[in-house]
Amino acid sequence: MTSLLLTCLIAANPEPVFRDHDRVVFLGDSITVLHTWTRLVELSVRLRHPEWSLTFINAGVGGNTVEDALERLDVDVLAHQPTVVFVNFGMNDASFPEGSGGAAFEKNMTTLLDRLAKAKVRRVVWLDTTPYDTSVGAGNAFNRRRVARITELVEFARKTGAERELPVVPVNDAVTRAIAAWRAGKRSENLMPDRIHPGPTLHGVMAAEVLSTVGFDVTPARAKVAVREGVAFVEGADGGVPFVDGRVELDLSSVKAPLPFVANTDAKLLDSKALLSLAPLTLSISGLAPKQRYLVRAGTLEVGRFTGAQLAAGVDVMQNAPPRAAPGPERADLSICEATTGNPWANDVSCLFNLLFGKDQLRISMRHEKTRGLPDSVPGYLEKLSALQQAWVDDVEKDVAARVATLRARPHVVTLEPEPVRDGGAP
């Protein structure tokens, strides 16, 4: 009962995990090394806090168990002097034969948490084990045992996390609910094609669940505007913007960034409150003639046509924003970072996702195991290579931060243009 009460208290009042100057490491298996939920988490923190100095490092390795993580903890995690470590294991541990080292999840995880505590990592966040998808058949006896074992691991995470006062992200429940809701909505696409690895849409669900659990602000972004005597005043901004011939351009660059992880139509079918809450930017404008209709654009993209009464109630300027395009397999297209057309907030998300894709590819190519087997026949060359790699990674981190600051500072314009009034006074 005490553990359950503590879990509820932590979930209801999460202390924000992220701070300025954090060094964040994501430690996990292939679900982490996919660099998708991790990239969305990094993207969210950077867009909402462009003034912070941050470092994010993905230390996922495919096929790993917690036993494997312990063997590489010093080099892949503690060497980076992290302030925050996210941990996600269990899918591989659950498949090891009972009694083997790899199967000793509870013992190994206890040791891992102890070592992170001893290293004085400020916050450890534990993602419980994602589900093995049985919605298309439970498979053979081996996989049925894996499913049962994952259930045990999830319960262990909840119990031990509560005892240690660690945030435990219930990704198992979130992903399970999302798959069920998706199928109930009669969508045929399989969100977990191989039953083990969540696809990009489910990674959006995972990222939203992570942010909600760690105390990140997942309330919808809002912009409030008051119109008085033909001048629009954006809440929190200096001065007002006059209407010209009934038209006005509102710069909303100071508003909290919306975070659309997946397409709107998909998000509504995933039973994730956090995902739905992060995506919109609700614009409400008081003081307009209730029956006058306006064409609303976000950047150059049409949002819709609304009456003054509808705008007073609030409209989502992200509702027609296109979904983020996935980067190519070799090199991310950064032209979106300079785009002057489209929805500016959607452009920000796509630009930063692609920037982080490139940064992740760089880190993957420079992991320590890539160079440890190189010949050292010329003294000092490996040290020079290591120094070059570190400088390269550090400069890329600085470039990402600078680009984010530029993205958030540039105008994010919403335009209201009145529709002609028909004969008889009706718009």
Foldseek 3Di string as FASTA:
>chain_A
DLLVVLLVVCLVDFDADDDAPFEEEEEEAVLQLVVFLQLLLVLQVCLQCLVGQYHYYYHYYHLDALVVCVVCVVPRPVVSVGLEYEYEHQLNLLLDDPPDPSVPRLVSVVVVVVVCVVSVNNAYEYEQYAAQDCVVHQDDPSSVSSRVRSVVRNVSCSRVCSVVVHQYQDLNVLLVQQQVLCVVVVDPDDQAVVSHHGHQVSSLSSSLSVCSRNVHDLAAWEWEWEDDPQWIDIPPDPDTWGADVNKTKDFPLVIRFARQSFAPVSQVRRPRPSNVRRHFYKAAYPDADQQWKWFKAWQAHTQGIHGNVVNNVIDTNCNPADTQDDADPPAGDQVLLVDRGGHLSNSSNNNLSRLVVVLSVLCVCPRPVNPPPPDCPDPPPVVVVNVVSVVVSVVSSVVSSVSSVVSSPDTGIMMIDTDDADPPRGD
